[in-house]
Amino acid sequence: MATNKPTQPTISPPSTGEGDGSVVMERLTQKVQPPSMYQVVMLNDDYTPMEFVVVVIQEFFGKDLEAATQIMLKIHLDGRGVCGVYSKDIAATKVDQVMEAAHKAGHPLQCVSEPVDL
C-alpha cells in the first residue's frame, strides 16, 4: 500500500558556474486593476439657493464659474448632476465636505457618491 508522505526538496550546494544545474527564477509581471471610480452626485431640492450650489461646486470640485453654473443648472433641471469622478475614498470625502458645508449654512442640499458604470 502506498503512503502519502510529503517529499522534502533537495538542496544542492551553491552553483559555481553556468550549466551546472543552477535554477534561474523569472519575475512574473502582475496586471494591476485600476481602482473603482465613483461619481459624486448632487441632488436637487426646492430650498437651497442656486448661488450656494455654485459656490460649493467651485470650492470643493475646483470648477470655474461657468462649469459650476452648468452643473448647477443640470441639477436644477434634471434633479441631479455629476460634480466629479474620483476613487472611492476621495468621493466619500467630497460628499462629507459638501454635506457639512450645507449643514453649516442651514441648507438641505444632498450629495451622494455612486459607482461609475463602465
C-alpha atoms as a PDB file:
ATOM      1  CA  MET A   1       0.000   0.000   0.000  1.00  0.00           C
ATOM      2  CA  ALA A   2       1.356   3.437  -0.935  1.00  0.00           C
ATOM      3  CA  THR A   3       1.604   6.152   1.677  1.00  0.00           C
ATOM      4  CA  ASN A   4       1.213   9.858   1.002  1.00  0.00           C
ATOM      5  CA  LYS A   5       4.338  11.239   2.615  1.00  0.00           C
ATOM      6  CA  PRO A   6       5.286  14.777   1.668  1.00  0.00           C
ATOM      7  CA  THR A   7       8.571  14.868  -0.146  1.00  0.00           C
ATOM      8  CA  GLN A   8      11.302  17.211   1.000  1.00  0.00           C
ATOM      9  CA  PRO A   9      13.021  19.342  -1.633  1.00  0.00           C
ATOM     10  CA  THR A  10      16.618  18.518  -2.199  1.00  0.00           C
ATOM     11  CA  ILE A  11      19.116  21.267  -1.582  1.00  0.00           C
ATOM     12  CA  SER A  12      22.193  21.295  -3.721  1.00  0.00           C
ATOM     13  CA  PRO A  13      25.433  23.115  -2.944  1.00  0.00           C
ATOM     14  CA  PRO A  14      25.897  26.639  -4.297  1.00  0.00           C
ATOM     15  CA  SER A  15      26.478  26.913  -8.001  1.00  0.00           C
ATOM     16  CA  THR A  16      29.987  27.582  -9.268  1.00  0.00           C
ATOM     17  CA  GLY A  17      29.246  28.338 -12.900  1.00  0.00           C
ATOM     18  CA  GLU A  18      26.954  28.000 -15.863  1.00  0.00           C
ATOM     19  CA  GLY A  19      25.497  24.719 -16.965  1.00  0.00           C
ATOM     20  CA  ASP A  20      25.853  23.053 -13.592  1.00  0.00           C
ATOM     21  CA  GLY A  21      22.134  22.716 -12.876  1.00  0.00           C
ATOM     22  CA  SER A  22      21.539  26.123 -11.293  1.00  0.00           C
ATOM     23  CA  VAL A  23      17.978  27.472 -11.414  1.00  0.00           C
ATOM     24  CA  VAL A  24      17.052  30.958 -12.519  1.00  0.00           C
ATOM     25  CA  MET A  25      13.679  32.285 -11.407  1.00  0.00           C
ATOM     26  CA  GLU A  26      11.827  34.587 -13.743  1.00  0.00           C
ATOM     27  CA  ARG A  27       9.843  37.534 -12.452  1.00  0.00           C
ATOM     28  CA  LEU A  28       6.204  37.406 -13.438  1.00  0.00           C
ATOM     29  CA  THR A  29       4.575  40.748 -14.035  1.00  0.00           C
ATOM     30  CA  GLN A  30       1.172  41.165 -12.454  1.00  0.00           C
ATOM     31  CA  LYS A  31      -1.594  43.140 -14.026  1.00  0.00           C
ATOM     32  CA  VAL A  32      -2.993  45.620 -11.544  1.00  0.00           C
ATOM     33  CA  GLN A  33      -6.608  46.671 -11.874  1.00  0.00           C
ATOM     34  CA  PRO A  34      -7.260  50.419 -11.703  1.00  0.00           C
ATOM     35  CA  PRO A  35      -9.281  51.478  -8.648  1.00  0.00           C
ATOM     36  CA  SER A  36     -13.060  51.527  -8.883  1.00  0.00           C
ATOM     37  CA  MET A  37     -14.290  55.012  -9.645  1.00  0.00           C
ATOM     38  CA  TYR A  38     -17.226  56.794  -8.031  1.00  0.00           C
ATOM     39  CA  GLN A  39     -19.164  59.824  -9.224  1.00  0.00           C
ATOM     40  CA  VAL A  40     -20.198  62.500  -6.763  1.00  0.00           C
ATOM     41  CA  VAL A  41     -23.792  63.500  -7.465  1.00  0.00           C
ATOM     42  CA  MET A  42     -25.696  66.464  -6.026  1.00  0.00           C
ATOM     43  CA  LEU A  43     -29.454  66.185  -5.734  1.00  0.00           C
ATOM     44  CA  ASN A  44     -31.943  68.982  -6.333  1.00  0.00           C
ATOM     45  CA  ASP A  45     -34.158  70.406  -3.632  1.00  0.00           C
ATOM     46  CA  ASP A  46     -36.530  73.363  -3.611  1.00  0.00           C
ATOM     47  CA  TYR A  47     -34.813  75.260  -0.782  1.00  0.00           C
ATOM     48  CA  THR A  48     -31.049  75.502  -1.352  1.00  0.00           C
ATOM     49  CA  PRO A  49     -30.171  78.701  -3.257  1.00  0.00           C
ATOM     50  CA  MET A  50     -28.616  78.215  -6.676  1.00  0.00           C
ATOM     51  CA  GLU A  51     -25.803  80.608  -5.754  1.00  0.00           C
ATOM     52  CA  PHE A  52     -24.852  78.409  -2.793  1.00  0.00           C
ATOM     53  CA  VAL A  53     -24.707  75.331  -5.038  1.00  0.00           C
ATOM     54  CA  VAL A  54     -22.433  77.151  -7.495  1.00  0.00           C
ATOM     55  CA  VAL A  55     -20.084  78.242  -4.689  1.00  0.00           C
ATOM     56  CA  VAL A  56     -19.945  74.692  -3.279  1.00  0.00           C
ATOM     57  CA  ILE A  57     -19.145  73.234  -6.709  1.00  0.00           C
ATOM     58  CA  GLN A  58     -16.381  75.811  -7.208  1.00  0.00           C
ATOM     59  CA  GLU A  59     -14.916  75.330  -3.743  1.00  0.00           C
ATOM     60  CA  PHE A  60     -14.968  71.540  -3.407  1.00  0.00           C
ATOM     61  CA  PHE A  61     -14.716  70.404  -7.022  1.00  0.00           C
ATOM     62  CA  GLY A  62     -12.370  73.053  -8.448  1.00  0.00           C
ATOM     63  CA  LYS A  63     -14.704  74.161 -11.254  1.00  0.00           C
ATOM     64  CA  ASP A  64     -14.686  77.633 -12.728  1.00  0.00           C
ATOM     65  CA  LEU A  65     -17.807  79.816 -12.563  1.00  0.00           C
ATOM     66  CA  GLU A  66     -19.101  78.747 -15.981  1.00  0.00           C
ATOM     67  CA  ALA A  67     -18.664  74.999 -15.372  1.00  0.00           C
ATOM     68  CA  ALA A  68     -20.140  75.276 -11.866  1.00  0.00           C
ATOM     69  CA  THR A  69     -23.157  77.155 -13.249  1.00  0.00           C
ATOM     70  CA  GLN A  70     -23.708  74.493 -15.912  1.00  0.00           C
ATOM     71  CA  ILE A  71     -23.606  71.715 -13.307  1.00  0.00           C
ATOM     72  CA  MET A  72     -25.982  73.676 -11.060  1.00  0.00           C
ATOM     73  CA  LEU A  73     -28.446  74.091 -13.945  1.00  0.00           C
ATOM     74  CA  LYS A  74     -28.262  70.356 -14.679  1.00  0.00           C
ATOM     75  CA  ILE A  75     -29.012  69.640 -11.008  1.00  0.00           C
ATOM     76  CA  HIS A  76     -31.919  72.107 -11.094  1.00  0.00           C
ATOM     77  CA  LEU A  77     -33.439  70.861 -14.359  1.00  0.00           C
ATOM     78  CA  ASP A  78     -32.725  67.102 -14.161  1.00  0.00           C
ATOM     79  CA  GLY A  79     -32.943  66.649 -10.401  1.00  0.00           C
ATOM     80  CA  ARG A  80     -29.304  65.549 -10.147  1.00  0.00           C
ATOM     81  CA  GLY A  81     -25.901  66.377 -11.545  1.00  0.00           C
ATOM     82  CA  VAL A  82     -22.448  64.829 -11.507  1.00  0.00           C
ATOM     83  CA  CYS A  83     -19.848  67.120  -9.958  1.00  0.00           C
ATOM     84  CA  GLY A  84     -16.821  64.872 -10.421  1.00  0.00           C
ATOM     85  CA  VAL A  85     -15.478  61.313 -10.632  1.00  0.00           C
ATOM     86  CA  TYR A  86     -12.976  60.079  -8.044  1.00  0.00           C
ATOM     87  CA  SER A  87     -11.680  56.981  -6.282  1.00  0.00           C
ATOM     88  CA  LYS A  88     -13.955  55.683  -3.519  1.00  0.00           C
ATOM     89  CA  ASP A  89     -12.212  57.396  -0.583  1.00  0.00           C
ATOM     90  CA  ILE A  90     -11.899  60.768  -2.278  1.00  0.00           C
ATOM     91  CA  ALA A  91     -15.547  60.652  -3.417  1.00  0.00           C
ATOM     92  CA  ALA A  92     -16.650  59.897   0.153  1.00  0.00           C
ATOM     93  CA  THR A  93     -14.581  62.823   1.418  1.00  0.00           C
ATOM     94  CA  LYS A  94     -16.123  65.181  -1.170  1.00  0.00           C
ATOM     95  CA  VAL A  95     -19.627  64.074  -0.137  1.00  0.00           C
ATOM     96  CA  ASP A  96     -18.789  64.717   3.528  1.00  0.00           C
ATOM     97  CA  GLN A  97     -17.380  68.175   2.727  1.00  0.00           C
ATOM     98  CA  VAL A  98     -20.478  69.191   0.748  1.00  0.00           C
ATOM     99  CA  MET A  99     -22.877  67.860   3.385  1.00  0.00           C
ATOM    100  CA  GLU A 100     -21.012  69.630   6.187  1.00  0.00           C
ATOM    101  CA  ALA A 101     -20.965  72.949   4.296  1.00  0.00           C
ATOM    102  CA  ALA A 102     -24.693  72.661   3.557  1.00  0.00           C
ATOM    103  CA  HIS A 103     -25.467  71.806   7.177  1.00  0.00           C
ATOM    104  CA  LYS A 104     -23.408  74.739   8.495  1.00  0.00           C
ATOM    105  CA  ALA A 105     -25.198  77.103   6.089  1.00  0.00           C
ATOM    106  CA  GLY A 106     -28.593  75.686   7.084  1.00  0.00           C
ATOM    107  CA  HIS A 107     -29.420  74.230   3.663  1.00  0.00           C
ATOM    108  CA  PRO A 108     -30.912  70.780   2.977  1.00  0.00           C
ATOM    109  CA  LEU A 109     -28.610  70.129  -0.009  1.00  0.00           C
ATOM    110  CA  GLN A 110     -27.963  66.405  -0.512  1.00  0.00           C
ATOM    111  CA  CYS A 111     -24.911  64.821  -2.109  1.00  0.00           C
ATOM    112  CA  VAL A 112     -24.156  61.131  -2.738  1.00  0.00           C
ATOM    113  CA  SER A 113     -21.481  59.015  -4.392  1.00  0.00           C
ATOM    114  CA  GLU A 114     -22.290  56.192  -6.795  1.00  0.00           C
ATOM    115  CA  PRO A 115     -20.105  53.653  -8.579  1.00  0.00           C
ATOM    116  CA  VAL A 116     -19.370  54.575 -12.181  1.00  0.00           C
ATOM    117  CA  ASP A 117     -20.726  52.018 -14.648  1.00  0.00           C
ATOM    118  CA  LEU A 118     -18.039  51.187 -17.161  1.00  0.00           C
END
